[in-house]
N, C-alpha and C. Protein backbone atom coordinates (compact mmCIF):
# COMPACT_ATOMS: atom_id res chain seq x y z
N MET A 1 -33.33 16.75 -12.46
CA MET A 1 -33.22 15.87 -11.30
C MET A 1 -33.88 16.50 -10.08
N ALA A 2 -34.47 15.69 -9.26
CA ALA A 2 -35.15 16.20 -8.08
C ALA A 2 -34.14 16.69 -7.06
N ARG A 3 -34.48 17.79 -6.40
CA ARG A 3 -33.60 18.35 -5.38
C ARG A 3 -34.44 18.79 -4.20
N GLY A 4 -33.89 18.62 -3.00
CA GLY A 4 -34.59 19.05 -1.82
C GLY A 4 -34.50 20.54 -1.62
N ALA A 5 -35.34 21.06 -0.77
CA ALA A 5 -35.32 22.49 -0.48
C ALA A 5 -33.98 22.89 0.09
N GLY A 6 -33.45 24.00 -0.41
CA GLY A 6 -32.18 24.50 0.10
C GLY A 6 -30.97 23.74 -0.37
N SER A 7 -31.12 22.82 -1.31
CA SER A 7 -30.01 22.00 -1.74
C SER A 7 -29.13 22.78 -2.71
N VAL A 8 -27.89 22.27 -2.87
CA VAL A 8 -26.95 22.86 -3.79
C VAL A 8 -27.09 22.19 -5.15
N ALA A 9 -27.21 22.96 -6.22
CA ALA A 9 -27.45 22.39 -7.54
C ALA A 9 -26.42 22.90 -8.53
N GLY A 10 -26.27 22.17 -9.65
CA GLY A 10 -25.41 22.61 -10.72
C GLY A 10 -23.97 22.81 -10.33
N VAL A 11 -23.39 21.88 -9.57
CA VAL A 11 -22.04 22.04 -9.04
C VAL A 11 -21.07 21.18 -9.82
N ARG A 12 -19.97 21.77 -10.24
CA ARG A 12 -18.86 20.98 -10.80
C ARG A 12 -17.94 20.59 -9.66
N ILE A 13 -17.68 19.31 -9.53
CA ILE A 13 -16.79 18.77 -8.51
C ILE A 13 -15.56 18.19 -9.19
N ASP A 14 -14.38 18.65 -8.79
CA ASP A 14 -13.14 17.98 -9.18
C ASP A 14 -12.75 17.09 -8.03
N PHE A 15 -12.77 15.78 -8.25
CA PHE A 15 -12.46 14.81 -7.20
C PHE A 15 -11.06 14.26 -7.44
N HIS A 16 -10.14 14.57 -6.54
CA HIS A 16 -8.74 14.18 -6.67
C HIS A 16 -8.55 12.86 -5.95
N PHE A 17 -8.01 11.86 -6.67
CA PHE A 17 -8.01 10.50 -6.13
C PHE A 17 -6.76 9.73 -6.51
N ASP A 18 -6.40 8.81 -5.63
CA ASP A 18 -5.49 7.70 -5.96
C ASP A 18 -6.33 6.44 -5.83
N PRO A 19 -6.40 5.62 -6.88
CA PRO A 19 -7.33 4.49 -6.85
C PRO A 19 -7.02 3.44 -5.79
N THR A 20 -5.84 3.48 -5.19
CA THR A 20 -5.49 2.48 -4.19
C THR A 20 -5.89 2.88 -2.77
N CYS A 21 -6.33 4.11 -2.55
CA CYS A 21 -6.69 4.58 -1.21
C CYS A 21 -8.12 4.18 -0.88
N PRO A 22 -8.35 3.36 0.16
CA PRO A 22 -9.70 2.92 0.48
C PRO A 22 -10.60 4.05 0.96
N TRP A 23 -10.05 5.00 1.72
CA TRP A 23 -10.85 6.12 2.21
C TRP A 23 -11.33 6.97 1.05
N CYS A 24 -10.45 7.17 0.08
CA CYS A 24 -10.79 7.93 -1.12
C CYS A 24 -11.91 7.20 -1.89
N TRP A 25 -11.80 5.92 -2.00
CA TRP A 25 -12.82 5.11 -2.69
C TRP A 25 -14.18 5.28 -2.04
N ILE A 26 -14.23 5.22 -0.72
CA ILE A 26 -15.52 5.34 -0.02
C ILE A 26 -16.12 6.72 -0.27
N THR A 27 -15.29 7.77 -0.17
CA THR A 27 -15.79 9.13 -0.41
C THR A 27 -16.30 9.28 -1.84
N SER A 28 -15.63 8.66 -2.78
CA SER A 28 -16.08 8.74 -4.18
C SER A 28 -17.45 8.11 -4.37
N ARG A 29 -17.72 7.02 -3.64
CA ARG A 29 -19.04 6.37 -3.76
C ARG A 29 -20.14 7.25 -3.17
N TRP A 30 -19.81 8.01 -2.16
CA TRP A 30 -20.76 8.99 -1.61
C TRP A 30 -21.14 10.00 -2.68
N LEU A 31 -20.16 10.55 -3.38
CA LEU A 31 -20.46 11.54 -4.43
C LEU A 31 -21.24 10.91 -5.58
N VAL A 32 -20.88 9.69 -5.95
CA VAL A 32 -21.61 9.02 -7.03
C VAL A 32 -23.07 8.81 -6.63
N ASP A 33 -23.32 8.50 -5.36
CA ASP A 33 -24.70 8.35 -4.89
C ASP A 33 -25.44 9.69 -4.96
N VAL A 34 -24.79 10.76 -4.50
CA VAL A 34 -25.42 12.09 -4.54
C VAL A 34 -25.75 12.47 -5.97
N ARG A 35 -24.89 12.11 -6.91
CA ARG A 35 -25.10 12.49 -8.31
C ARG A 35 -26.36 11.86 -8.90
N THR A 36 -26.88 10.79 -8.32
CA THR A 36 -28.11 10.20 -8.84
C THR A 36 -29.31 11.09 -8.57
N ARG A 37 -29.16 12.05 -7.66
CA ARG A 37 -30.28 12.95 -7.32
C ARG A 37 -29.96 14.42 -7.56
N ARG A 38 -28.71 14.75 -7.74
CA ARG A 38 -28.29 16.15 -7.89
C ARG A 38 -27.61 16.39 -9.22
N ASP A 39 -27.57 17.63 -9.60
CA ASP A 39 -26.92 18.05 -10.85
C ASP A 39 -25.44 18.25 -10.59
N LEU A 40 -24.70 17.16 -10.52
CA LEU A 40 -23.27 17.21 -10.26
C LEU A 40 -22.49 16.84 -11.52
N ASP A 41 -21.49 17.62 -11.81
CA ASP A 41 -20.56 17.33 -12.91
C ASP A 41 -19.23 16.94 -12.25
N ILE A 42 -18.96 15.63 -12.13
CA ILE A 42 -17.78 15.17 -11.44
C ILE A 42 -16.64 14.96 -12.43
N ARG A 43 -15.52 15.63 -12.18
CA ARG A 43 -14.30 15.43 -12.97
C ARG A 43 -13.31 14.67 -12.07
N TRP A 44 -12.76 13.61 -12.58
CA TRP A 44 -11.88 12.73 -11.81
C TRP A 44 -10.43 13.12 -12.07
N ARG A 45 -9.76 13.61 -11.03
CA ARG A 45 -8.42 14.19 -11.17
C ARG A 45 -7.35 13.31 -10.52
N PRO A 46 -6.23 13.09 -11.20
CA PRO A 46 -5.19 12.19 -10.68
C PRO A 46 -4.39 12.82 -9.55
N PHE A 47 -4.18 12.04 -8.49
CA PHE A 47 -3.37 12.48 -7.35
C PHE A 47 -2.60 11.25 -6.87
N SER A 48 -1.34 11.18 -7.21
CA SER A 48 -0.52 10.01 -6.90
C SER A 48 0.09 10.10 -5.51
N LEU A 49 -0.24 9.11 -4.68
CA LEU A 49 0.38 9.06 -3.35
C LEU A 49 1.87 8.73 -3.47
N LYS A 50 2.28 8.02 -4.49
CA LYS A 50 3.70 7.76 -4.70
C LYS A 50 4.45 9.06 -4.96
N ILE A 51 3.88 9.91 -5.81
CA ILE A 51 4.51 11.21 -6.07
C ILE A 51 4.45 12.09 -4.82
N LYS A 52 3.32 12.09 -4.14
CA LYS A 52 3.18 12.92 -2.94
C LYS A 52 4.21 12.54 -1.88
N ASN A 53 4.55 11.26 -1.80
CA ASN A 53 5.46 10.79 -0.76
C ASN A 53 6.92 10.74 -1.22
N GLU A 54 7.23 11.35 -2.34
CA GLU A 54 8.62 11.40 -2.79
C GLU A 54 9.50 12.05 -1.72
N GLY A 55 10.67 11.43 -1.49
CA GLY A 55 11.58 11.97 -0.48
C GLY A 55 11.33 11.42 0.90
N ARG A 56 10.28 10.63 1.06
CA ARG A 56 9.98 10.01 2.35
C ARG A 56 10.21 8.50 2.21
N GLU A 57 10.50 7.87 3.34
CA GLU A 57 10.71 6.42 3.36
C GLU A 57 9.35 5.73 3.43
N THR A 58 8.95 5.08 2.33
CA THR A 58 7.68 4.38 2.29
C THR A 58 7.86 2.96 2.78
N PRO A 59 7.07 2.50 3.75
CA PRO A 59 7.16 1.11 4.21
C PRO A 59 7.00 0.14 3.05
N GLU A 60 7.72 -0.95 3.11
CA GLU A 60 7.74 -1.94 2.03
C GLU A 60 6.33 -2.38 1.65
N ARG A 61 5.45 -2.53 2.65
CA ARG A 61 4.11 -3.09 2.38
C ARG A 61 3.25 -2.14 1.54
N PHE A 62 3.64 -0.88 1.43
CA PHE A 62 2.85 0.08 0.68
C PHE A 62 3.40 0.35 -0.72
N ARG A 63 4.62 -0.13 -1.00
CA ARG A 63 5.28 0.27 -2.25
C ARG A 63 4.58 -0.27 -3.50
N ALA A 64 4.13 -1.51 -3.44
CA ALA A 64 3.44 -2.08 -4.61
C ALA A 64 2.15 -1.34 -4.89
N ALA A 65 1.44 -0.95 -3.81
CA ALA A 65 0.19 -0.20 -3.99
C ALA A 65 0.48 1.18 -4.60
N GLU A 66 1.54 1.83 -4.15
CA GLU A 66 1.88 3.13 -4.71
C GLU A 66 2.22 3.02 -6.20
N ASP A 67 2.94 1.95 -6.56
CA ASP A 67 3.27 1.74 -7.97
C ASP A 67 2.01 1.47 -8.80
N LEU A 68 1.10 0.65 -8.26
CA LEU A 68 -0.16 0.39 -8.95
C LEU A 68 -0.96 1.67 -9.09
N GLY A 69 -0.98 2.50 -8.05
CA GLY A 69 -1.72 3.74 -8.12
C GLY A 69 -1.18 4.67 -9.21
N LEU A 70 0.14 4.82 -9.27
CA LEU A 70 0.72 5.72 -10.26
C LEU A 70 0.49 5.18 -11.67
N GLY A 71 0.70 3.88 -11.88
CA GLY A 71 0.45 3.32 -13.20
C GLY A 71 -1.00 3.48 -13.63
N SER A 72 -1.91 3.24 -12.71
CA SER A 72 -3.34 3.39 -13.02
C SER A 72 -3.68 4.84 -13.35
N LEU A 73 -3.07 5.77 -12.64
CA LEU A 73 -3.36 7.19 -12.89
C LEU A 73 -2.81 7.64 -14.24
N ARG A 74 -1.69 7.07 -14.66
CA ARG A 74 -1.20 7.38 -16.01
C ARG A 74 -2.23 6.95 -17.05
N VAL A 75 -2.84 5.79 -16.82
CA VAL A 75 -3.89 5.33 -17.74
C VAL A 75 -5.07 6.30 -17.73
N THR A 76 -5.44 6.80 -16.54
CA THR A 76 -6.58 7.72 -16.48
C THR A 76 -6.28 9.03 -17.21
N VAL A 77 -5.03 9.47 -17.17
CA VAL A 77 -4.66 10.70 -17.90
C VAL A 77 -4.85 10.48 -19.41
N ALA A 78 -4.32 9.37 -19.91
CA ALA A 78 -4.50 9.05 -21.34
C ALA A 78 -5.97 8.87 -21.69
N LEU A 79 -6.70 8.25 -20.78
CA LEU A 79 -8.13 8.00 -21.01
C LEU A 79 -8.92 9.32 -21.03
N ASP A 80 -8.60 10.22 -20.12
CA ASP A 80 -9.28 11.51 -20.05
C ASP A 80 -9.03 12.31 -21.34
N GLU A 81 -7.78 12.27 -21.82
CA GLU A 81 -7.47 13.00 -23.05
C GLU A 81 -8.24 12.43 -24.24
N ALA A 82 -8.45 11.12 -24.26
CA ALA A 82 -9.08 10.48 -25.40
C ALA A 82 -10.61 10.46 -25.31
N HIS A 83 -11.14 10.28 -24.09
CA HIS A 83 -12.57 10.01 -23.95
C HIS A 83 -13.29 10.83 -22.88
N GLY A 84 -12.59 11.56 -22.03
CA GLY A 84 -13.25 12.44 -21.09
C GLY A 84 -13.54 11.83 -19.72
N ALA A 85 -14.20 12.65 -18.88
CA ALA A 85 -14.36 12.33 -17.47
C ALA A 85 -15.22 11.09 -17.22
N GLU A 86 -16.25 10.87 -18.02
CA GLU A 86 -17.12 9.72 -17.78
C GLU A 86 -16.34 8.41 -17.92
N ALA A 87 -15.44 8.37 -18.91
CA ALA A 87 -14.63 7.18 -19.09
C ALA A 87 -13.69 6.96 -17.90
N VAL A 88 -13.11 8.05 -17.40
CA VAL A 88 -12.24 7.94 -16.22
C VAL A 88 -13.04 7.42 -15.03
N GLY A 89 -14.24 7.94 -14.85
CA GLY A 89 -15.08 7.49 -13.74
C GLY A 89 -15.43 6.01 -13.86
N ALA A 90 -15.68 5.55 -15.08
CA ALA A 90 -15.99 4.14 -15.28
C ALA A 90 -14.81 3.25 -14.94
N LEU A 91 -13.59 3.68 -15.34
CA LEU A 91 -12.40 2.90 -15.00
C LEU A 91 -12.16 2.91 -13.52
N TYR A 92 -12.32 4.07 -12.86
CA TYR A 92 -12.11 4.14 -11.42
C TYR A 92 -13.06 3.20 -10.69
N THR A 93 -14.31 3.13 -11.12
CA THR A 93 -15.25 2.21 -10.49
C THR A 93 -14.78 0.77 -10.63
N GLU A 94 -14.30 0.41 -11.81
CA GLU A 94 -13.83 -0.96 -12.02
C GLU A 94 -12.57 -1.24 -11.20
N LEU A 95 -11.68 -0.28 -11.13
CA LEU A 95 -10.48 -0.45 -10.31
C LEU A 95 -10.85 -0.59 -8.84
N GLY A 96 -11.80 0.22 -8.38
CA GLY A 96 -12.23 0.13 -6.99
C GLY A 96 -12.82 -1.22 -6.65
N ARG A 97 -13.59 -1.77 -7.55
CA ARG A 97 -14.14 -3.11 -7.34
C ARG A 97 -13.02 -4.12 -7.11
N ARG A 98 -12.04 -4.07 -7.98
CA ARG A 98 -10.98 -5.08 -7.97
C ARG A 98 -10.02 -4.87 -6.80
N ILE A 99 -9.61 -3.63 -6.57
CA ILE A 99 -8.63 -3.36 -5.52
C ILE A 99 -9.23 -3.49 -4.13
N HIS A 100 -10.36 -2.86 -3.90
CA HIS A 100 -10.89 -2.75 -2.55
C HIS A 100 -11.86 -3.87 -2.17
N HIS A 101 -12.70 -4.27 -3.09
CA HIS A 101 -13.71 -5.30 -2.76
C HIS A 101 -13.19 -6.71 -3.04
N ASP A 102 -12.41 -6.87 -4.09
CA ASP A 102 -11.91 -8.20 -4.45
C ASP A 102 -10.53 -8.46 -3.90
N GLY A 103 -9.87 -7.43 -3.36
CA GLY A 103 -8.56 -7.61 -2.75
C GLY A 103 -7.44 -7.93 -3.71
N GLN A 104 -7.55 -7.48 -4.96
CA GLN A 104 -6.51 -7.75 -5.95
C GLN A 104 -5.33 -6.80 -5.75
N ALA A 105 -4.17 -7.36 -5.47
CA ALA A 105 -2.98 -6.55 -5.27
C ALA A 105 -2.27 -6.21 -6.58
N ASP A 106 -2.50 -7.02 -7.61
CA ASP A 106 -1.87 -6.82 -8.91
C ASP A 106 -2.98 -6.83 -9.97
N VAL A 107 -3.55 -5.66 -10.21
CA VAL A 107 -4.72 -5.57 -11.07
C VAL A 107 -4.32 -5.64 -12.54
N ASP A 108 -5.06 -6.41 -13.29
CA ASP A 108 -4.91 -6.47 -14.75
C ASP A 108 -5.60 -5.24 -15.33
N LEU A 109 -4.80 -4.22 -15.66
CA LEU A 109 -5.40 -2.96 -16.13
C LEU A 109 -6.13 -3.13 -17.45
N GLY A 110 -5.61 -3.98 -18.32
CA GLY A 110 -6.32 -4.24 -19.57
C GLY A 110 -7.66 -4.87 -19.33
N GLY A 111 -7.71 -5.81 -18.39
CA GLY A 111 -8.98 -6.43 -18.04
C GLY A 111 -9.95 -5.46 -17.42
N ALA A 112 -9.43 -4.56 -16.58
CA ALA A 112 -10.29 -3.54 -15.95
C ALA A 112 -10.86 -2.59 -17.01
N LEU A 113 -10.03 -2.19 -17.95
CA LEU A 113 -10.51 -1.32 -19.02
C LEU A 113 -11.59 -2.01 -19.84
N ALA A 114 -11.35 -3.26 -20.19
CA ALA A 114 -12.34 -4.00 -20.99
C ALA A 114 -13.64 -4.16 -20.24
N ALA A 115 -13.56 -4.45 -18.93
CA ALA A 115 -14.77 -4.62 -18.13
C ALA A 115 -15.56 -3.32 -18.03
N ALA A 116 -14.85 -2.18 -18.13
CA ALA A 116 -15.52 -0.86 -18.09
C ALA A 116 -15.99 -0.43 -19.48
N GLY A 117 -15.83 -1.30 -20.48
CA GLY A 117 -16.26 -0.96 -21.82
C GLY A 117 -15.31 -0.06 -22.55
N LEU A 118 -14.01 -0.10 -22.18
CA LEU A 118 -13.01 0.79 -22.74
C LEU A 118 -11.91 -0.01 -23.44
N ASP A 119 -11.07 0.67 -24.18
CA ASP A 119 -10.03 0.02 -24.98
C ASP A 119 -8.94 -0.56 -24.08
N PRO A 120 -8.79 -1.86 -24.02
CA PRO A 120 -7.75 -2.44 -23.14
C PRO A 120 -6.35 -2.10 -23.57
N ALA A 121 -6.14 -1.66 -24.80
CA ALA A 121 -4.81 -1.29 -25.26
C ALA A 121 -4.24 -0.10 -24.48
N LEU A 122 -5.13 0.70 -23.89
CA LEU A 122 -4.67 1.85 -23.11
C LEU A 122 -3.90 1.44 -21.86
N ALA A 123 -3.96 0.16 -21.50
CA ALA A 123 -3.19 -0.31 -20.35
C ALA A 123 -1.69 -0.11 -20.54
N SER A 124 -1.26 -0.03 -21.79
CA SER A 124 0.17 0.15 -22.07
C SER A 124 0.67 1.50 -21.57
N THR A 125 -0.22 2.46 -21.38
CA THR A 125 0.20 3.79 -20.91
C THR A 125 0.58 3.79 -19.44
N ALA A 126 0.35 2.69 -18.72
CA ALA A 126 0.71 2.62 -17.30
C ALA A 126 2.21 2.82 -17.08
N GLY A 127 3.01 2.48 -18.08
CA GLY A 127 4.45 2.64 -17.96
C GLY A 127 4.99 3.89 -18.61
N ASP A 128 4.12 4.78 -19.07
CA ASP A 128 4.53 5.98 -19.79
C ASP A 128 4.81 7.13 -18.83
N GLU A 129 6.07 7.33 -18.50
CA GLU A 129 6.45 8.35 -17.54
C GLU A 129 6.21 9.76 -18.07
N THR A 130 6.04 9.94 -19.37
CA THR A 130 5.76 11.27 -19.88
C THR A 130 4.41 11.79 -19.41
N LEU A 131 3.54 10.91 -18.95
CA LEU A 131 2.21 11.33 -18.46
C LEU A 131 2.30 11.87 -17.03
N ASP A 132 3.45 11.68 -16.38
CA ASP A 132 3.57 12.15 -14.99
C ASP A 132 3.48 13.66 -14.89
N GLY A 133 3.86 14.36 -15.95
CA GLY A 133 3.78 15.81 -15.92
C GLY A 133 2.36 16.29 -15.70
N ALA A 134 1.41 15.63 -16.34
CA ALA A 134 -0.01 16.02 -16.17
C ALA A 134 -0.46 15.72 -14.75
N ILE A 135 -0.01 14.61 -14.18
CA ILE A 135 -0.39 14.26 -12.80
C ILE A 135 0.20 15.28 -11.84
N ARG A 136 1.48 15.58 -12.01
CA ARG A 136 2.12 16.57 -11.12
C ARG A 136 1.47 17.94 -11.25
N GLY A 137 1.12 18.31 -12.47
CA GLY A 137 0.50 19.63 -12.66
C GLY A 137 -0.85 19.71 -11.98
N SER A 138 -1.65 18.66 -12.06
CA SER A 138 -2.95 18.63 -11.40
C SER A 138 -2.79 18.68 -9.88
N MET A 139 -1.81 17.92 -9.38
CA MET A 139 -1.56 17.92 -7.94
C MET A 139 -1.10 19.29 -7.46
N LYS A 140 -0.17 19.89 -8.19
CA LYS A 140 0.35 21.21 -7.80
C LYS A 140 -0.77 22.24 -7.73
N ALA A 141 -1.67 22.21 -8.70
CA ALA A 141 -2.74 23.21 -8.75
C ALA A 141 -3.66 23.08 -7.55
N VAL A 142 -4.04 21.85 -7.19
CA VAL A 142 -4.99 21.71 -6.07
C VAL A 142 -4.29 21.93 -4.73
N LEU A 143 -3.01 21.54 -4.61
CA LEU A 143 -2.31 21.75 -3.35
C LEU A 143 -2.03 23.22 -3.08
N GLU A 144 -2.03 24.03 -4.12
CA GLU A 144 -1.92 25.48 -3.92
C GLU A 144 -3.16 26.04 -3.24
N ILE A 145 -4.28 25.32 -3.34
CA ILE A 145 -5.52 25.75 -2.66
C ILE A 145 -5.61 25.14 -1.27
N THR A 146 -5.30 23.84 -1.15
CA THR A 146 -5.49 23.16 0.14
C THR A 146 -4.33 23.37 1.10
N GLY A 147 -3.14 23.62 0.58
CA GLY A 147 -1.92 23.50 1.37
C GLY A 147 -1.34 22.13 1.14
N ASP A 148 -0.07 21.96 1.50
CA ASP A 148 0.67 20.75 1.13
C ASP A 148 0.48 19.59 2.10
N ASP A 149 -0.09 19.82 3.27
CA ASP A 149 -0.14 18.80 4.31
C ASP A 149 -1.40 17.94 4.24
N VAL A 150 -1.82 17.58 3.04
CA VAL A 150 -3.00 16.75 2.87
C VAL A 150 -2.72 15.65 1.85
N GLY A 151 -3.56 14.61 1.91
CA GLY A 151 -3.53 13.55 0.90
C GLY A 151 -4.85 13.54 0.16
N VAL A 152 -5.36 12.34 -0.08
CA VAL A 152 -6.68 12.20 -0.73
C VAL A 152 -7.62 11.48 0.19
N PRO A 153 -8.93 11.73 0.00
CA PRO A 153 -9.58 12.44 -1.09
C PRO A 153 -9.51 13.96 -0.93
N ILE A 154 -9.55 14.66 -2.05
CA ILE A 154 -9.72 16.11 -2.06
C ILE A 154 -10.93 16.42 -2.94
N VAL A 155 -11.84 17.23 -2.41
CA VAL A 155 -13.00 17.70 -3.15
C VAL A 155 -12.78 19.17 -3.49
N GLU A 156 -12.84 19.50 -4.76
CA GLU A 156 -12.60 20.86 -5.25
C GLU A 156 -13.84 21.35 -6.00
N PHE A 157 -14.21 22.60 -5.80
CA PHE A 157 -15.42 23.12 -6.45
C PHE A 157 -15.36 24.64 -6.51
N ASP A 158 -16.23 25.23 -7.32
CA ASP A 158 -16.37 26.67 -7.40
C ASP A 158 -17.37 27.15 -6.36
N SER A 159 -17.05 28.25 -5.68
CA SER A 159 -17.98 28.89 -4.76
C SER A 159 -18.15 30.34 -5.19
N PRO A 160 -19.12 31.05 -4.63
CA PRO A 160 -19.27 32.46 -4.98
C PRO A 160 -18.03 33.29 -4.69
N ARG A 161 -17.16 32.78 -3.79
CA ARG A 161 -15.94 33.51 -3.43
C ARG A 161 -14.69 32.93 -4.10
N GLY A 162 -14.89 32.09 -5.10
CA GLY A 162 -13.74 31.54 -5.81
C GLY A 162 -13.61 30.03 -5.65
N ARG A 163 -12.52 29.51 -6.14
CA ARG A 163 -12.28 28.07 -6.11
C ARG A 163 -11.98 27.62 -4.69
N ARG A 164 -12.58 26.49 -4.29
CA ARG A 164 -12.38 25.91 -2.97
C ARG A 164 -11.93 24.46 -3.13
N ALA A 165 -11.08 24.00 -2.22
CA ALA A 165 -10.67 22.61 -2.20
C ALA A 165 -10.33 22.22 -0.77
N PHE A 166 -10.84 21.07 -0.33
CA PHE A 166 -10.59 20.58 1.01
C PHE A 166 -10.31 19.09 0.99
N PHE A 167 -9.42 18.64 1.88
CA PHE A 167 -9.24 17.22 2.12
C PHE A 167 -10.50 16.67 2.77
N GLY A 168 -10.94 15.49 2.28
CA GLY A 168 -12.12 14.88 2.86
C GLY A 168 -13.35 15.09 1.98
N PRO A 169 -14.54 14.79 2.53
CA PRO A 169 -14.75 14.26 3.89
C PRO A 169 -14.39 12.78 3.96
N ILE A 170 -13.96 12.34 5.14
CA ILE A 170 -13.69 10.93 5.39
C ILE A 170 -14.95 10.33 5.99
N VAL A 171 -15.49 9.34 5.33
CA VAL A 171 -16.72 8.68 5.77
C VAL A 171 -16.52 7.17 5.74
N SER A 172 -17.20 6.46 6.64
CA SER A 172 -17.07 5.01 6.67
C SER A 172 -18.22 4.43 7.49
N PRO A 173 -19.18 3.81 6.80
CA PRO A 173 -19.31 3.63 5.35
C PRO A 173 -19.84 4.90 4.69
N ALA A 174 -19.93 4.87 3.37
CA ALA A 174 -20.46 6.02 2.64
C ALA A 174 -21.95 6.18 2.93
N PRO A 175 -22.40 7.38 3.33
CA PRO A 175 -23.83 7.59 3.51
C PRO A 175 -24.54 7.54 2.15
N VAL A 176 -25.81 7.22 2.19
CA VAL A 176 -26.61 7.15 0.97
C VAL A 176 -27.91 7.92 1.18
N GLY A 177 -28.59 8.22 0.08
CA GLY A 177 -29.91 8.84 0.17
C GLY A 177 -29.90 10.21 0.82
N THR A 178 -30.85 10.44 1.71
CA THR A 178 -30.98 11.76 2.32
C THR A 178 -29.77 12.13 3.17
N GLU A 179 -29.14 11.15 3.82
CA GLU A 179 -27.95 11.46 4.60
C GLU A 179 -26.79 11.90 3.70
N ALA A 180 -26.66 11.24 2.55
CA ALA A 180 -25.62 11.62 1.59
C ALA A 180 -25.85 13.04 1.08
N ASP A 181 -27.09 13.37 0.78
CA ASP A 181 -27.41 14.72 0.30
C ASP A 181 -27.15 15.76 1.37
N ALA A 182 -27.52 15.45 2.60
CA ALA A 182 -27.31 16.40 3.69
C ALA A 182 -25.82 16.66 3.89
N LEU A 183 -25.02 15.59 3.86
CA LEU A 183 -23.58 15.76 4.02
C LEU A 183 -23.02 16.63 2.90
N PHE A 184 -23.46 16.40 1.68
CA PHE A 184 -22.99 17.20 0.55
C PHE A 184 -23.30 18.68 0.76
N ASP A 185 -24.54 18.98 1.14
CA ASP A 185 -24.92 20.37 1.35
C ASP A 185 -24.10 21.01 2.45
N HIS A 186 -23.86 20.26 3.53
CA HIS A 186 -23.09 20.82 4.65
C HIS A 186 -21.62 21.03 4.26
N VAL A 187 -21.04 20.07 3.55
CA VAL A 187 -19.64 20.20 3.14
C VAL A 187 -19.47 21.41 2.24
N ILE A 188 -20.33 21.54 1.23
CA ILE A 188 -20.22 22.68 0.33
C ILE A 188 -20.46 23.99 1.08
N GLY A 189 -21.43 23.97 1.99
CA GLY A 189 -21.73 25.17 2.76
C GLY A 189 -20.56 25.61 3.63
N LEU A 190 -20.00 24.67 4.39
CA LEU A 190 -18.86 25.00 5.26
C LEU A 190 -17.65 25.45 4.44
N ALA A 191 -17.37 24.72 3.38
CA ALA A 191 -16.19 25.03 2.58
C ALA A 191 -16.29 26.38 1.88
N SER A 192 -17.49 26.91 1.74
CA SER A 192 -17.69 28.19 1.08
C SER A 192 -17.44 29.38 2.00
N ILE A 193 -17.25 29.11 3.30
CA ILE A 193 -17.01 30.17 4.28
C ILE A 193 -15.52 30.47 4.34
N ASP A 194 -15.15 31.73 4.09
CA ASP A 194 -13.74 32.10 4.00
C ASP A 194 -12.95 31.74 5.25
N SER A 195 -13.56 31.88 6.42
CA SER A 195 -12.83 31.67 7.67
C SER A 195 -12.79 30.23 8.13
N PHE A 196 -13.44 29.31 7.37
CA PHE A 196 -13.47 27.91 7.78
C PHE A 196 -12.24 27.18 7.25
N PHE A 197 -11.57 26.41 8.14
CA PHE A 197 -10.38 25.65 7.74
C PHE A 197 -10.50 24.16 8.02
N GLU A 198 -10.96 23.77 9.20
CA GLU A 198 -10.87 22.36 9.54
C GLU A 198 -11.93 21.98 10.57
N LEU A 199 -12.45 20.76 10.41
CA LEU A 199 -13.37 20.14 11.36
C LEU A 199 -13.01 18.68 11.38
N LYS A 200 -12.64 18.11 12.54
CA LYS A 200 -12.07 16.78 12.52
C LYS A 200 -12.33 16.04 13.83
N ARG A 201 -12.46 14.69 13.70
CA ARG A 201 -12.37 13.81 14.85
C ARG A 201 -11.61 12.56 14.41
N SER A 202 -11.05 11.83 15.37
CA SER A 202 -10.23 10.67 15.04
C SER A 202 -11.08 9.55 14.46
N ARG A 203 -10.49 8.84 13.49
CA ARG A 203 -11.14 7.67 12.91
C ARG A 203 -11.02 6.50 13.86
N SER A 204 -11.96 5.58 13.77
CA SER A 204 -11.88 4.34 14.55
C SER A 204 -12.23 3.18 13.62
N GLY A 205 -11.42 2.13 13.65
CA GLY A 205 -11.71 0.95 12.85
C GLY A 205 -11.22 1.06 11.43
N SER A 206 -11.37 -0.04 10.70
CA SER A 206 -10.94 -0.11 9.31
C SER A 206 -12.01 0.48 8.39
N PRO A 207 -11.65 0.83 7.16
CA PRO A 207 -12.65 1.36 6.23
C PRO A 207 -13.79 0.38 5.98
N GLN A 208 -15.01 0.86 6.08
CA GLN A 208 -16.20 0.05 5.79
C GLN A 208 -16.60 0.33 4.34
N LEU A 209 -16.32 -0.62 3.48
CA LEU A 209 -16.46 -0.38 2.05
C LEU A 209 -17.90 -0.38 1.56
N GLY A 210 -18.80 -1.04 2.27
CA GLY A 210 -20.16 -1.17 1.79
C GLY A 210 -20.23 -2.22 0.69
N SER A 211 -21.34 -2.25 -0.03
CA SER A 211 -21.55 -3.25 -1.07
C SER A 211 -20.68 -2.99 -2.27
N ARG A 212 -20.28 -4.06 -2.95
CA ARG A 212 -19.50 -3.92 -4.19
C ARG A 212 -20.39 -3.33 -5.28
N PRO A 213 -20.00 -2.20 -5.87
CA PRO A 213 -20.86 -1.58 -6.91
C PRO A 213 -20.84 -2.38 -8.21
C-alpha cells in the first residue's frame, strides 16, 4: 500500500467500541478510511457502556441503547471466536448503518448479520450472559492502560515503549484522505511519548456522521 513520507506503517490497532455510541462510530470510519492507504491491522474489541456504567443511574432514554449495545457485543464476541476480526468489522459496519444513519432503535441482529454476509443464527448469542466475561476481560485490560475515567472510542496500539491506549480521538465529521492520514500519524506520534497524557477542547454540536457507508 502506498504511504507518505514519514508515515506510520504496519500498525496493529485494537479499537474498543460500543456500537451504539455515535462518536465511536465516526472515529471508526476514520480508521477504516486510513486503512485503505496504510498497513493497518484493526482488531475490533468489545467495550460495553452498560457494563461501564454499572452502579450509576442511567437516564431512561439511554437504557434501551445500552441493552442493544451489550447484546450486539455478545454477538461480536461469538463472531470473533468463530470467524475473526474481519467478520466483526463487517457486522460493526452494518450495525453502524442501521443505528446511526437509519435511526433504528431496535436493530434486527439476524438481519444485520445476514446483510454483512454472516450467519444470522449468531443473533441468538445476544442473550448469552456467559459471553460477558470476555467483554469484561477486554475492558479491564484496556482500562488498566488508559485509567478508569474514559469511555469509547479507545485506540490501543504497540509503540517502541510498550502498549499504548488513549480515549479518542473525537472527530466530527471523520476526516478522509490526506487529513485522515495526518491525524493518524499525529495521534500515534503523540501517544508514543511517555509524558503525554491529554489534549482536549470542548465539542460543539451534534455528531456529524457523514455519508452512509
